[in-house]
């Protein structure tokens, strides 16, 4: 299982470096980048405040339909993304497009000092706003000195 996660992280890192900036620029404006990062930041802040309604409101309609209630969504989020739930630090990294899906990478350091890459697939709504459409958490390999 750990090996699979590391392979996924390596493949995603390679894809990020191979993506041409022109294709990215044609699909996502600077305003989009700002809004996407704001939505993710607001969702993480709401998660850390245990505000289930706000966390749920920033998720895509597909996710809201699948989980039905803010409480169900929060229960799953807490169980599946623990390092994000009580993170010590975060930093936005590269945004990429995979199969026409915008994915924002965020580096998270948990309260124990471990680093994680968090991948947020994003979904543009009919009104032009952005919502999170899932999450993938991959622990970064630690480097010994």
C-alpha atoms as a PDB file:
ATOM      1  CA  UNK A   1       0.000   0.000   0.000  1.00  0.00           C
ATOM      2  CA  UNK A   2       2.798   2.448   0.899  1.00  0.00           C
ATOM      3  CA  UNK A   3       4.662   1.558  -2.276  1.00  0.00           C
ATOM      4  CA  UNK A   4       1.567   2.323  -4.353  1.00  0.00           C
ATOM      5  CA  UNK A   5       1.216   5.749  -2.737  1.00  0.00           C
ATOM      6  CA  UNK A   6       4.854   6.591  -3.417  1.00  0.00           C
ATOM      7  CA  UNK A   7       4.461   5.501  -7.044  1.00  0.00           C
ATOM      8  CA  UNK A   8       1.365   7.701  -7.385  1.00  0.00           C
ATOM      9  CA  UNK A   9       3.266  10.648  -5.893  1.00  0.00           C
ATOM     10  CA  UNK A  10       6.204  10.126  -8.258  1.00  0.00           C
ATOM     11  CA  UNK A  11       3.938   9.838 -11.297  1.00  0.00           C
ATOM     12  CA  UNK A  12       2.010  12.964 -10.310  1.00  0.00           C
ATOM     13  CA  UNK A  13       5.245  14.898  -9.763  1.00  0.00           C
ATOM     14  CA  UNK A  14       6.502  13.806 -13.191  1.00  0.00           C
ATOM     15  CA  UNK A  15       3.214  14.809 -14.815  1.00  0.00           C
ATOM     16  CA  UNK A  16       3.365  18.221 -13.155  1.00  0.00           C
ATOM     17  CA  UNK A  17       6.816  18.865 -14.579  1.00  0.00           C
ATOM     18  CA  UNK A  18       5.802  17.638 -18.057  1.00  0.00           C
ATOM     19  CA  UNK A  19       2.691  19.776 -18.446  1.00  0.00           C
ATOM     20  CA  UNK A  20       3.068  22.689 -20.840  1.00  0.00           C
ATOM     21  CA  UNK A  21       2.255  26.064 -19.300  1.00  0.00           C
ATOM     22  CA  UNK A  22       0.326  27.147 -22.409  1.00  0.00           C
ATOM     23  CA  UNK A  23      -2.327  24.445 -22.019  1.00  0.00           C
ATOM     24  CA  UNK A  24      -2.677  25.325 -18.356  1.00  0.00           C
ATOM     25  CA  UNK A  25      -3.022  29.048 -19.074  1.00  0.00           C
ATOM     26  CA  UNK A  26      -5.770  28.429 -21.618  1.00  0.00           C
ATOM     27  CA  UNK A  27      -7.948  26.623 -19.090  1.00  0.00           C
ATOM     28  CA  UNK A  28      -7.321  28.332 -15.756  1.00  0.00           C
ATOM     29  CA  UNK A  29      -6.998  32.087 -15.329  1.00  0.00           C
ATOM     30  CA  UNK A  30      -5.143  33.871 -12.536  1.00  0.00           C
ATOM     31  CA  UNK A  31      -8.546  34.666 -11.004  1.00  0.00           C
ATOM     32  CA  UNK A  32      -9.410  30.947 -11.120  1.00  0.00           C
ATOM     33  CA  UNK A  33      -6.160  30.074  -9.345  1.00  0.00           C
ATOM     34  CA  UNK A  34      -6.908  32.626  -6.618  1.00  0.00           C
ATOM     35  CA  UNK A  35     -10.468  31.365  -6.167  1.00  0.00           C
ATOM     36  CA  UNK A  36      -9.424  27.695  -6.128  1.00  0.00           C
ATOM     37  CA  UNK A  37      -6.817  28.349  -3.458  1.00  0.00           C
ATOM     38  CA  UNK A  38      -9.264  30.448  -1.449  1.00  0.00           C
ATOM     39  CA  UNK A  39     -11.888  27.675  -1.539  1.00  0.00           C
ATOM     40  CA  UNK A  40      -9.337  25.086  -0.383  1.00  0.00           C
ATOM     41  CA  UNK A  41      -7.986  27.367   2.353  1.00  0.00           C
ATOM     42  CA  UNK A  42     -11.515  28.156   3.587  1.00  0.00           C
ATOM     43  CA  UNK A  43     -12.385  24.458   3.620  1.00  0.00           C
ATOM     44  CA  UNK A  44      -9.255  23.559   5.615  1.00  0.00           C
ATOM     45  CA  UNK A  45      -9.926  26.377   8.090  1.00  0.00           C
ATOM     46  CA  UNK A  46     -13.544  25.250   8.478  1.00  0.00           C
ATOM     47  CA  UNK A  47     -12.384  21.672   9.009  1.00  0.00           C
ATOM     48  CA  UNK A  48     -10.016  22.785  11.748  1.00  0.00           C
ATOM     49  CA  UNK A  49     -12.861  24.730  13.417  1.00  0.00           C
ATOM     50  CA  UNK A  50     -15.143  21.660  13.149  1.00  0.00           C
ATOM     51  CA  UNK A  51     -17.590  23.703  11.041  1.00  0.00           C
ATOM     52  CA  UNK A  52     -19.288  20.854   9.159  1.00  0.00           C
ATOM     53  CA  UNK A  53     -21.727  23.135   7.328  1.00  0.00           C
ATOM     54  CA  UNK A  54     -18.972  25.278   5.788  1.00  0.00           C
ATOM     55  CA  UNK A  55     -16.765  22.288   4.910  1.00  0.00           C
ATOM     56  CA  UNK A  56     -19.772  20.663   3.198  1.00  0.00           C
ATOM     57  CA  UNK A  57     -20.775  23.868   1.369  1.00  0.00           C
ATOM     58  CA  UNK A  58     -17.359  24.079  -0.312  1.00  0.00           C
ATOM     59  CA  UNK A  59     -17.619  20.546  -1.730  1.00  0.00           C
ATOM     60  CA  UNK A  60     -18.927  19.783  -5.211  1.00  0.00           C
ATOM     61  CA  UNK A  61     -22.587  18.837  -5.729  1.00  0.00           C
ATOM     62  CA  UNK A  62     -21.446  15.270  -6.519  1.00  0.00           C
ATOM     63  CA  UNK A  63     -19.797  14.946  -3.105  1.00  0.00           C
ATOM     64  CA  UNK A  64     -22.710  16.585  -1.303  1.00  0.00           C
ATOM     65  CA  UNK A  65     -25.126  14.181  -2.989  1.00  0.00           C
ATOM     66  CA  UNK A  66     -22.977  11.178  -2.061  1.00  0.00           C
ATOM     67  CA  UNK A  67     -22.669  12.126   1.625  1.00  0.00           C
ATOM     68  CA  UNK A  68     -26.148  13.683   2.008  1.00  0.00           C
ATOM     69  CA  UNK A  69     -25.382  15.617   5.220  1.00  0.00           C
ATOM     70  CA  UNK A  70     -22.572  17.816   6.551  1.00  0.00           C
ATOM     71  CA  UNK A  71     -22.160  15.434   9.501  1.00  0.00           C
ATOM     72  CA  UNK A  72     -21.631  12.403   7.244  1.00  0.00           C
ATOM     73  CA  UNK A  73     -19.131  14.345   5.159  1.00  0.00           C
ATOM     74  CA  UNK A  74     -17.171  15.544   8.213  1.00  0.00           C
ATOM     75  CA  UNK A  75     -17.070  12.057   9.709  1.00  0.00           C
ATOM     76  CA  UNK A  76     -15.484  10.722   6.508  1.00  0.00           C
ATOM     77  CA  UNK A  77     -13.085  13.648   6.150  1.00  0.00           C
ATOM     78  CA  UNK A  78     -11.843  13.296   9.731  1.00  0.00           C
ATOM     79  CA  UNK A  79     -11.299   9.560   9.276  1.00  0.00           C
ATOM     80  CA  UNK A  80      -9.560   9.776   5.901  1.00  0.00           C
ATOM     81  CA  UNK A  81      -7.426  12.927   6.101  1.00  0.00           C
ATOM     82  CA  UNK A  82      -6.261  13.102   9.703  1.00  0.00           C
ATOM     83  CA  UNK A  83      -3.028  15.032   8.976  1.00  0.00           C
ATOM     84  CA  UNK A  84      -5.070  17.762   7.317  1.00  0.00           C
ATOM     85  CA  UNK A  85      -7.614  17.883  10.126  1.00  0.00           C
ATOM     86  CA  UNK A  86      -5.108  19.223  12.647  1.00  0.00           C
ATOM     87  CA  UNK A  87      -2.268  20.403  10.425  1.00  0.00           C
ATOM     88  CA  UNK A  88       0.567  22.595  11.676  1.00  0.00           C
ATOM     89  CA  UNK A  89       1.391  24.265   8.346  1.00  0.00           C
ATOM     90  CA  UNK A  90       0.358  24.272   4.702  1.00  0.00           C
ATOM     91  CA  UNK A  91       1.702  25.638   1.444  1.00  0.00           C
ATOM     92  CA  UNK A  92       0.166  25.686  -2.007  1.00  0.00           C
ATOM     93  CA  UNK A  93       2.205  23.942  -4.662  1.00  0.00           C
ATOM     94  CA  UNK A  94       1.759  23.353  -8.365  1.00  0.00           C
ATOM     95  CA  UNK A  95      -1.669  23.346  -9.940  1.00  0.00           C
ATOM     96  CA  UNK A  96      -2.056  20.883 -12.793  1.00  0.00           C
ATOM     97  CA  UNK A  97      -4.579  19.566 -15.254  1.00  0.00           C
ATOM     98  CA  UNK A  98      -5.080  15.805 -15.538  1.00  0.00           C
ATOM     99  CA  UNK A  99      -7.643  14.551 -18.044  1.00  0.00           C
ATOM    100  CA  UNK A 100      -9.274  18.006 -18.136  1.00  0.00           C
ATOM    101  CA  UNK A 101      -9.539  18.082 -14.338  1.00  0.00           C
ATOM    102  CA  UNK A 102      -7.867  20.872 -12.398  1.00  0.00           C
ATOM    103  CA  UNK A 103      -5.903  19.508  -9.430  1.00  0.00           C
ATOM    104  CA  UNK A 104      -4.339  21.745  -6.786  1.00  0.00           C
ATOM    105  CA  UNK A 105      -1.467  20.285  -4.792  1.00  0.00           C
ATOM    106  CA  UNK A 106      -0.992  21.439  -1.203  1.00  0.00           C
ATOM    107  CA  UNK A 107       1.915  20.526   1.076  1.00  0.00           C
ATOM    108  CA  UNK A 108       0.747  19.908   4.624  1.00  0.00           C
ATOM    109  CA  UNK A 109       2.887  19.396   7.688  1.00  0.00           C
ATOM    110  CA  UNK A 110       1.037  17.547  10.413  1.00  0.00           C
ATOM    111  CA  UNK A 111       1.383  18.306  14.107  1.00  0.00           C
ATOM    112  CA  UNK A 112       4.069  15.600  14.413  1.00  0.00           C
ATOM    113  CA  UNK A 113       6.253  17.180  11.706  1.00  0.00           C
ATOM    114  CA  UNK A 114       5.480  14.703   8.915  1.00  0.00           C
ATOM    115  CA  UNK A 115       5.015  16.157   5.422  1.00  0.00           C
ATOM    116  CA  UNK A 116       2.094  15.218   3.177  1.00  0.00           C
ATOM    117  CA  UNK A 117       1.092  16.045  -0.382  1.00  0.00           C
ATOM    118  CA  UNK A 118      -2.618  16.684  -0.641  1.00  0.00           C
ATOM    119  CA  UNK A 119      -4.192  16.687  -4.103  1.00  0.00           C
ATOM    120  CA  UNK A 120      -7.504  18.511  -4.520  1.00  0.00           C
ATOM    121  CA  UNK A 121      -9.420  17.796  -7.728  1.00  0.00           C
ATOM    122  CA  UNK A 122     -11.530  20.887  -8.368  1.00  0.00           C
ATOM    123  CA  UNK A 123     -14.828  21.296 -10.193  1.00  0.00           C
ATOM    124  CA  UNK A 124     -16.042  24.490 -11.851  1.00  0.00           C
ATOM    125  CA  UNK A 125     -19.741  25.041 -11.221  1.00  0.00           C
ATOM    126  CA  UNK A 126     -22.249  26.318 -13.771  1.00  0.00           C
ATOM    127  CA  UNK A 127     -22.104  29.754 -12.129  1.00  0.00           C
ATOM    128  CA  UNK A 128     -18.297  29.802 -12.607  1.00  0.00           C
ATOM    129  CA  UNK A 129     -17.374  29.194  -8.956  1.00  0.00           C
ATOM    130  CA  UNK A 130     -15.059  26.366  -7.900  1.00  0.00           C
ATOM    131  CA  UNK A 131     -15.687  23.541  -5.417  1.00  0.00           C
ATOM    132  CA  UNK A 132     -13.503  20.727  -4.100  1.00  0.00           C
ATOM    133  CA  UNK A 133     -14.304  17.409  -5.756  1.00  0.00           C
ATOM    134  CA  UNK A 134     -12.415  14.952  -3.597  1.00  0.00           C
ATOM    135  CA  UNK A 135      -9.028  14.659  -1.978  1.00  0.00           C
ATOM    136  CA  UNK A 136      -5.979  12.409  -2.214  1.00  0.00           C
ATOM    137  CA  UNK A 137      -3.453  12.384   0.595  1.00  0.00           C
ATOM    138  CA  UNK A 138       0.066  11.007   0.065  1.00  0.00           C
ATOM    139  CA  UNK A 139       2.750  10.971   2.754  1.00  0.00           C
ATOM    140  CA  UNK A 140       6.016  12.415   1.499  1.00  0.00           C
ATOM    141  CA  UNK A 141       9.131  10.341   1.952  1.00  0.00           C
ATOM    142  CA  UNK A 142      11.284  11.566   4.822  1.00  0.00           C
ATOM    143  CA  UNK A 143      14.903  12.347   4.083  1.00  0.00           C
ATOM    144  CA  UNK A 144      17.553  11.217   6.581  1.00  0.00           C
ATOM    145  CA  UNK A 145      20.759  13.153   7.015  1.00  0.00           C
END
